[in-house]
Amino acid sequence: MVELTPNNLRYLMKEKGVKVIDVADALNISLESTYPKIRENRFSIEQVRQLGRLLNEDFIIKKGD
């Protein structure tokens, strides 16, 4: 399990060759709205699940984040 933080997400994306457009497609959102979500770590629970499937990871979310 990996804590979902902007740095960890960017690292995993780079490591696994996942581009921002891939994240946007997986979350079914625009590319323009994907950048702030990644930068500010503002994902819904369902989006976190979708990211987990895309990156083949289980994410931990700290309460209050």
PDB file of N, CA and C in Angstrom:
ATOM      1  N   MET A   1       0.839  -1.184   0.000  1.00  0.00           N
ATOM      2  CA  MET A   1       0.000   0.000   0.000  1.00  0.00           C
ATOM      3  C   MET A   1       0.880   1.241   0.000  1.00  0.00           C
ATOM      4  N   VAL A   2       0.420   2.231  -0.716  1.00  0.00           N
ATOM      5  CA  VAL A   2       1.164   3.471  -0.885  1.00  0.00           C
ATOM      6  C   VAL A   2       0.263   4.629  -0.477  1.00  0.00           C
ATOM      7  N   GLU A   3       0.813   5.572   0.280  1.00  0.00           N
ATOM      8  CA  GLU A   3       0.041   6.765   0.616  1.00  0.00           C
ATOM      9  C   GLU A   3      -0.154   7.607  -0.644  1.00  0.00           C
ATOM     10  N   LEU A   4      -1.390   8.023  -0.865  1.00  0.00           N
ATOM     11  CA  LEU A   4      -1.674   8.848  -2.034  1.00  0.00           C
ATOM     12  C   LEU A   4      -1.307  10.295  -1.733  1.00  0.00           C
ATOM     13  N   THR A   5      -0.178  10.713  -2.281  1.00  0.00           N
ATOM     14  CA  THR A   5       0.278  12.101  -2.199  1.00  0.00           C
ATOM     15  C   THR A   5       0.618  12.527  -3.632  1.00  0.00           C
ATOM     16  N   PRO A   6       0.647  13.825  -3.900  1.00  0.00           N
ATOM     17  CA  PRO A   6       1.021  14.255  -5.251  1.00  0.00           C
ATOM     18  C   PRO A   6       2.381  13.703  -5.697  1.00  0.00           C
ATOM     19  N   ASN A   7       3.365  13.714  -4.800  1.00  0.00           N
ATOM     20  CA  ASN A   7       4.695  13.214  -5.165  1.00  0.00           C
ATOM     21  C   ASN A   7       4.674  11.719  -5.451  1.00  0.00           C
ATOM     22  N   ASN A   8       3.995  10.954  -4.609  1.00  0.00           N
ATOM     23  CA  ASN A   8       3.921   9.512  -4.830  1.00  0.00           C
ATOM     24  C   ASN A   8       3.183   9.189  -6.124  1.00  0.00           C
ATOM     25  N   LEU A   9       2.113   9.922  -6.384  1.00  0.00           N
ATOM     26  CA  LEU A   9       1.353   9.690  -7.607  1.00  0.00           C
ATOM     27  C   LEU A   9       2.199   9.988  -8.835  1.00  0.00           C
ATOM     28  N   ARG A  10       2.879  11.114  -8.835  1.00  0.00           N
ATOM     29  CA  ARG A  10       3.738  11.447  -9.983  1.00  0.00           C
ATOM     30  C   ARG A  10       4.859  10.414 -10.149  1.00  0.00           C
ATOM     31  N   TYR A  11       5.433   9.960  -9.039  1.00  0.00           N
ATOM     32  CA  TYR A  11       6.492   8.951  -9.109  1.00  0.00           C
ATOM     33  C   TYR A  11       5.969   7.662  -9.736  1.00  0.00           C
ATOM     34  N   LEU A  12       4.815   7.194  -9.257  1.00  0.00           N
ATOM     35  CA  LEU A  12       4.236   5.957  -9.789  1.00  0.00           C
ATOM     36  C   LEU A  12       3.870   6.099 -11.259  1.00  0.00           C
ATOM     37  N   MET A  13       3.335   7.249 -11.618  1.00  0.00           N
ATOM     38  CA  MET A  13       2.993   7.469 -13.025  1.00  0.00           C
ATOM     39  C   MET A  13       4.245   7.372 -13.891  1.00  0.00           C
ATOM     40  N   LYS A  14       5.321   8.005 -13.458  1.00  0.00           N
ATOM     41  CA  LYS A  14       6.572   7.967 -14.230  1.00  0.00           C
ATOM     42  C   LYS A  14       7.121   6.544 -14.283  1.00  0.00           C
ATOM     43  N   GLU A  15       7.127   5.878 -13.137  1.00  0.00           N
ATOM     44  CA  GLU A  15       7.662   4.519 -13.059  1.00  0.00           C
ATOM     45  C   GLU A  15       6.909   3.545 -13.965  1.00  0.00           C
ATOM     46  N   LYS A  16       5.607   3.737 -14.080  1.00  0.00           N
ATOM     47  CA  LYS A  16       4.780   2.797 -14.834  1.00  0.00           C
ATOM     48  C   LYS A  16       4.431   3.302 -16.230  1.00  0.00           C
ATOM     49  N   GLY A  17       4.987   4.460 -16.603  1.00  0.00           N
ATOM     50  CA  GLY A  17       4.764   4.980 -17.949  1.00  0.00           C
ATOM     51  C   GLY A  17       3.347   5.485 -18.183  1.00  0.00           C
ATOM     52  N   VAL A  18       2.696   5.924 -17.128  1.00  0.00           N
ATOM     53  CA  VAL A  18       1.330   6.448 -17.229  1.00  0.00           C
ATOM     54  C   VAL A  18       1.397   7.962 -17.385  1.00  0.00           C
ATOM     55  N   LYS A  19       0.758   8.456 -18.415  1.00  0.00           N
ATOM     56  CA  LYS A  19       0.761   9.891 -18.689  1.00  0.00           C
ATOM     57  C   LYS A  19      -0.496  10.537 -18.106  1.00  0.00           C
ATOM     58  N   VAL A  20      -0.461  11.860 -18.007  1.00  0.00           N
ATOM     59  CA  VAL A  20      -1.601  12.599 -17.448  1.00  0.00           C
ATOM     60  C   VAL A  20      -2.859  12.325 -18.265  1.00  0.00           C
ATOM     61  N   ILE A  21      -2.724  12.194 -19.571  1.00  0.00           N
ATOM     62  CA  ILE A  21      -3.889  11.891 -20.416  1.00  0.00           C
ATOM     63  C   ILE A  21      -4.484  10.530 -20.054  1.00  0.00           C
ATOM     64  N   ASP A  22      -3.641   9.583 -19.649  1.00  0.00           N
ATOM     65  CA  ASP A  22      -4.133   8.270 -19.221  1.00  0.00           C
ATOM     66  C   ASP A  22      -4.951   8.393 -17.941  1.00  0.00           C
ATOM     67  N   VAL A  23      -4.484   9.246 -17.032  1.00  0.00           N
ATOM     68  CA  VAL A  23      -5.221   9.494 -15.786  1.00  0.00           C
ATOM     69  C   VAL A  23      -6.555  10.151 -16.107  1.00  0.00           C
ATOM     70  N   ALA A  24      -6.541  11.147 -16.967  1.00  0.00           N
ATOM     71  CA  ALA A  24      -7.777  11.832 -17.349  1.00  0.00           C
ATOM     72  C   ALA A  24      -8.777  10.845 -17.952  1.00  0.00           C
ATOM     73  N   ASP A  25      -8.293   9.988 -18.830  1.00  0.00           N
ATOM     74  CA  ASP A  25      -9.171   8.989 -19.447  1.00  0.00           C
ATOM     75  C   ASP A  25      -9.729   8.027 -18.406  1.00  0.00           C
ATOM     76  N   ALA A  26      -8.875   7.565 -17.501  1.00  0.00           N
ATOM     77  CA  ALA A  26      -9.320   6.610 -16.474  1.00  0.00           C
ATOM     78  C   ALA A  26     -10.354   7.225 -15.545  1.00  0.00           C
ATOM     79  N   LEU A  27     -10.211   8.526 -15.272  1.00  0.00           N
ATOM     80  CA  LEU A  27     -11.140   9.208 -14.369  1.00  0.00           C
ATOM     81  C   LEU A  27     -12.327   9.808 -15.115  1.00  0.00           C
ATOM     82  N   ASN A  28     -12.268   9.744 -16.444  1.00  0.00           N
ATOM     83  CA  ASN A  28     -13.324  10.296 -17.289  1.00  0.00           C
ATOM     84  C   ASN A  28     -13.527  11.796 -17.022  1.00  0.00           C
ATOM     85  N   ILE A  29     -12.398  12.509 -16.959  1.00  0.00           N
ATOM     86  CA  ILE A  29     -12.432  13.959 -16.760  1.00  0.00           C
ATOM     87  C   ILE A  29     -11.538  14.605 -17.812  1.00  0.00           C
ATOM     88  N   SER A  30     -11.651  15.919 -17.940  1.00  0.00           N
ATOM     89  CA  SER A  30     -10.842  16.621 -18.936  1.00  0.00           C
ATOM     90  C   SER A  30      -9.376  16.651 -18.509  1.00  0.00           C
ATOM     91  N   LEU A  31      -8.532  16.788 -19.496  1.00  0.00           N
ATOM     92  CA  LEU A  31      -7.101  16.900 -19.232  1.00  0.00           C
ATOM     93  C   LEU A  31      -6.820  18.134 -18.374  1.00  0.00           C
ATOM     94  N   GLU A  32      -7.514  19.233 -18.664  1.00  0.00           N
ATOM     95  CA  GLU A  32      -7.302  20.481 -17.934  1.00  0.00           C
ATOM     96  C   GLU A  32      -7.649  20.351 -16.453  1.00  0.00           C
ATOM     97  N   SER A  33      -8.654  19.557 -16.122  1.00  0.00           N
ATOM     98  CA  SER A  33      -9.022  19.406 -14.711  1.00  0.00           C
ATOM     99  C   SER A  33      -8.187  18.340 -14.004  1.00  0.00           C
ATOM    100  N   THR A  34      -7.439  17.565 -14.771  1.00  0.00           N
ATOM    101  CA  THR A  34      -6.608  16.518 -14.179  1.00  0.00           C
ATOM    102  C   THR A  34      -5.371  17.095 -13.499  1.00  0.00           C
ATOM    103  N   TYR A  35      -4.761  18.095 -14.114  1.00  0.00           N
ATOM    104  CA  TYR A  35      -3.539  18.691 -13.541  1.00  0.00           C
ATOM    105  C   TYR A  35      -3.746  19.207 -12.114  1.00  0.00           C
ATOM    106  N   PRO A  36      -4.796  20.018 -11.853  1.00  0.00           N
ATOM    107  CA  PRO A  36      -4.971  20.482 -10.467  1.00  0.00           C
ATOM    108  C   PRO A  36      -5.306  19.352  -9.497  1.00  0.00           C
ATOM    109  N   LYS A  37      -6.024  18.339  -9.969  1.00  0.00           N
ATOM    110  CA  LYS A  37      -6.340  17.217  -9.087  1.00  0.00           C
ATOM    111  C   LYS A  37      -5.054  16.524  -8.632  1.00  0.00           C
ATOM    112  N   ILE A  38      -4.140  16.332  -9.561  1.00  0.00           N
ATOM    113  CA  ILE A  38      -2.870  15.692  -9.218  1.00  0.00           C
ATOM    114  C   ILE A  38      -2.057  16.607  -8.298  1.00  0.00           C
ATOM    115  N   ARG A  39      -1.980  17.883  -8.644  1.00  0.00           N
ATOM    116  CA  ARG A  39      -1.167  18.841  -7.880  1.00  0.00           C
ATOM    117  C   ARG A  39      -1.708  19.034  -6.459  1.00  0.00           C
ATOM    118  N   GLU A  40      -3.038  19.075  -6.317  1.00  0.00           N
ATOM    119  CA  GLU A  40      -3.657  19.356  -5.019  1.00  0.00           C
ATOM    120  C   GLU A  40      -4.172  18.112  -4.303  1.00  0.00           C
ATOM    121  N   ASN A  41      -4.019  16.950  -4.954  1.00  0.00           N
ATOM    122  CA  ASN A  41      -4.446  15.679  -4.349  1.00  0.00           C
ATOM    123  C   ASN A  41      -5.932  15.716  -3.975  1.00  0.00           C
ATOM    124  N   ARG A  42      -6.758  16.142  -4.913  1.00  0.00           N
ATOM    125  CA  ARG A  42      -8.199  16.306  -4.691  1.00  0.00           C
ATOM    126  C   ARG A  42      -8.980  15.272  -5.501  1.00  0.00           C
ATOM    127  N   PHE A  43      -8.993  14.047  -5.004  1.00  0.00           N
ATOM    128  CA  PHE A  43      -9.696  12.969  -5.685  1.00  0.00           C
ATOM    129  C   PHE A  43     -10.824  12.445  -4.815  1.00  0.00           C
ATOM    130  N   SER A  44     -11.925  12.077  -5.459  1.00  0.00           N
ATOM    131  CA  SER A  44     -13.002  11.413  -4.728  1.00  0.00           C
ATOM    132  C   SER A  44     -12.560   9.981  -4.429  1.00  0.00           C
ATOM    133  N   ILE A  45     -13.279   9.337  -3.557  1.00  0.00           N
ATOM    134  CA  ILE A  45     -12.951   7.940  -3.228  1.00  0.00           C
ATOM    135  C   ILE A  45     -13.008   7.065  -4.481  1.00  0.00           C
ATOM    136  N   GLU A  46     -14.014   7.266  -5.293  1.00  0.00           N
ATOM    137  CA  GLU A  46     -14.120   6.480  -6.531  1.00  0.00           C
ATOM    138  C   GLU A  46     -12.949   6.769  -7.460  1.00  0.00           C
ATOM    139  N   GLN A  47     -12.513   8.001  -7.535  1.00  0.00           N
ATOM    140  CA  GLN A  47     -11.358   8.329  -8.370  1.00  0.00           C
ATOM    141  C   GLN A  47     -10.090   7.685  -7.836  1.00  0.00           C
ATOM    142  N   VAL A  48      -9.964   7.591  -6.525  1.00  0.00           N
ATOM    143  CA  VAL A  48      -8.808   6.911  -5.930  1.00  0.00           C
ATOM    144  C   VAL A  48      -8.829   5.433  -6.331  1.00  0.00           C
ATOM    145  N   ARG A  49     -10.005   4.842  -6.310  1.00  0.00           N
ATOM    146  CA  ARG A  49     -10.116   3.432  -6.743  1.00  0.00           C
ATOM    147  C   ARG A  49      -9.718   3.283  -8.204  1.00  0.00           C
ATOM    148  N   GLN A  50     -10.167   4.212  -9.039  1.00  0.00           N
ATOM    149  CA  GLN A  50      -9.821   4.165 -10.456  1.00  0.00           C
ATOM    150  C   GLN A  50      -8.323   4.340 -10.660  1.00  0.00           C
ATOM    151  N   LEU A  51      -7.713   5.242  -9.907  1.00  0.00           N
ATOM    152  CA  LEU A  51      -6.256   5.415  -9.980  1.00  0.00           C
ATOM    153  C   LEU A  51      -5.545   4.140  -9.565  1.00  0.00           C
ATOM    154  N   GLY A  52      -6.036   3.498  -8.533  1.00  0.00           N
ATOM    155  CA  GLY A  52      -5.459   2.244  -8.078  1.00  0.00           C
ATOM    156  C   GLY A  52      -5.496   1.176  -9.152  1.00  0.00           C
ATOM    157  N   ARG A  53      -6.627   1.091  -9.849  1.00  0.00           N
ATOM    158  CA  ARG A  53      -6.732   0.111 -10.942  1.00  0.00           C
ATOM    159  C   ARG A  53      -5.777   0.466 -12.077  1.00  0.00           C
ATOM    160  N   LEU A  54      -5.713   1.754 -12.415  1.00  0.00           N
ATOM    161  CA  LEU A  54      -4.838   2.194 -13.504  1.00  0.00           C
ATOM    162  C   LEU A  54      -3.372   1.892 -13.200  1.00  0.00           C
ATOM    163  N   LEU A  55      -2.970   2.146 -11.961  1.00  0.00           N
ATOM    164  CA  LEU A  55      -1.564   1.999 -11.577  1.00  0.00           C
ATOM    165  C   LEU A  55      -1.259   0.664 -10.905  1.00  0.00           C
ATOM    166  N   ASN A  56      -2.284  -0.160 -10.739  1.00  0.00           N
ATOM    167  CA  ASN A  56      -2.125  -1.451 -10.081  1.00  0.00           C
ATOM    168  C   ASN A  56      -1.511  -1.292  -8.683  1.00  0.00           C
ATOM    169  N   GLU A  57      -2.098  -0.380  -7.914  1.00  0.00           N
ATOM    170  CA  GLU A  57      -1.634  -0.072  -6.558  1.00  0.00           C
ATOM    171  C   GLU A  57      -2.833   0.046  -5.626  1.00  0.00           C
ATOM    172  N   ASP A  58      -2.602  -0.196  -4.357  1.00  0.00           N
ATOM    173  CA  ASP A  58      -3.582   0.089  -3.318  1.00  0.00           C
ATOM    174  C   ASP A  58      -3.107   1.347  -2.610  1.00  0.00           C
ATOM    175  N   PHE A  59      -3.991   2.336  -2.539  1.00  0.00           N
ATOM    176  CA  PHE A  59      -3.620   3.610  -1.941  1.00  0.00           C
ATOM    177  C   PHE A  59      -4.188   3.757  -0.538  1.00  0.00           C
ATOM    178  N   ILE A  60      -3.416   4.413   0.311  1.00  0.00           N
ATOM    179  CA  ILE A  60      -3.839   4.810   1.649  1.00  0.00           C
ATOM    180  C   ILE A  60      -4.094   6.306   1.597  1.00  0.00           C
ATOM    181  N   ILE A  61      -5.195   6.724   2.183  1.00  0.00           N
ATOM    182  CA  ILE A  61      -5.505   8.153   2.259  1.00  0.00           C
ATOM    183  C   ILE A  61      -5.562   8.516   3.734  1.00  0.00           C
ATOM    184  N   LYS A  62      -4.736   9.456   4.142  1.00  0.00           N
ATOM    185  CA  LYS A  62      -4.760   9.902   5.536  1.00  0.00           C
ATOM    186  C   LYS A  62      -5.984  10.775   5.758  1.00  0.00           C
ATOM    187  N   LYS A  63      -6.632  10.577   6.884  1.00  0.00           N
ATOM    188  CA  LYS A  63      -7.801  11.378   7.226  1.00  0.00           C
ATOM    189  C   LYS A  63      -7.402  12.846   7.318  1.00  0.00           C
ATOM    190  N   GLY A  64      -8.225  13.703   6.731  1.00  0.00           N
ATOM    191  CA  GLY A  64      -7.955  15.127   6.742  1.00  0.00           C
ATOM    192  C   GLY A  64      -7.209  15.597   5.510  1.00  0.00           C
ATOM    193  N   ASP A  65      -6.725  14.667   4.682  1.00  0.00           N
ATOM    194  CA  ASP A  65      -6.029  15.047   3.443  1.00  0.00           C
ATOM    195  C   ASP A  65      -7.026  15.309   2.345  1.00  0.00           C
TER     196      ASP A  65
END
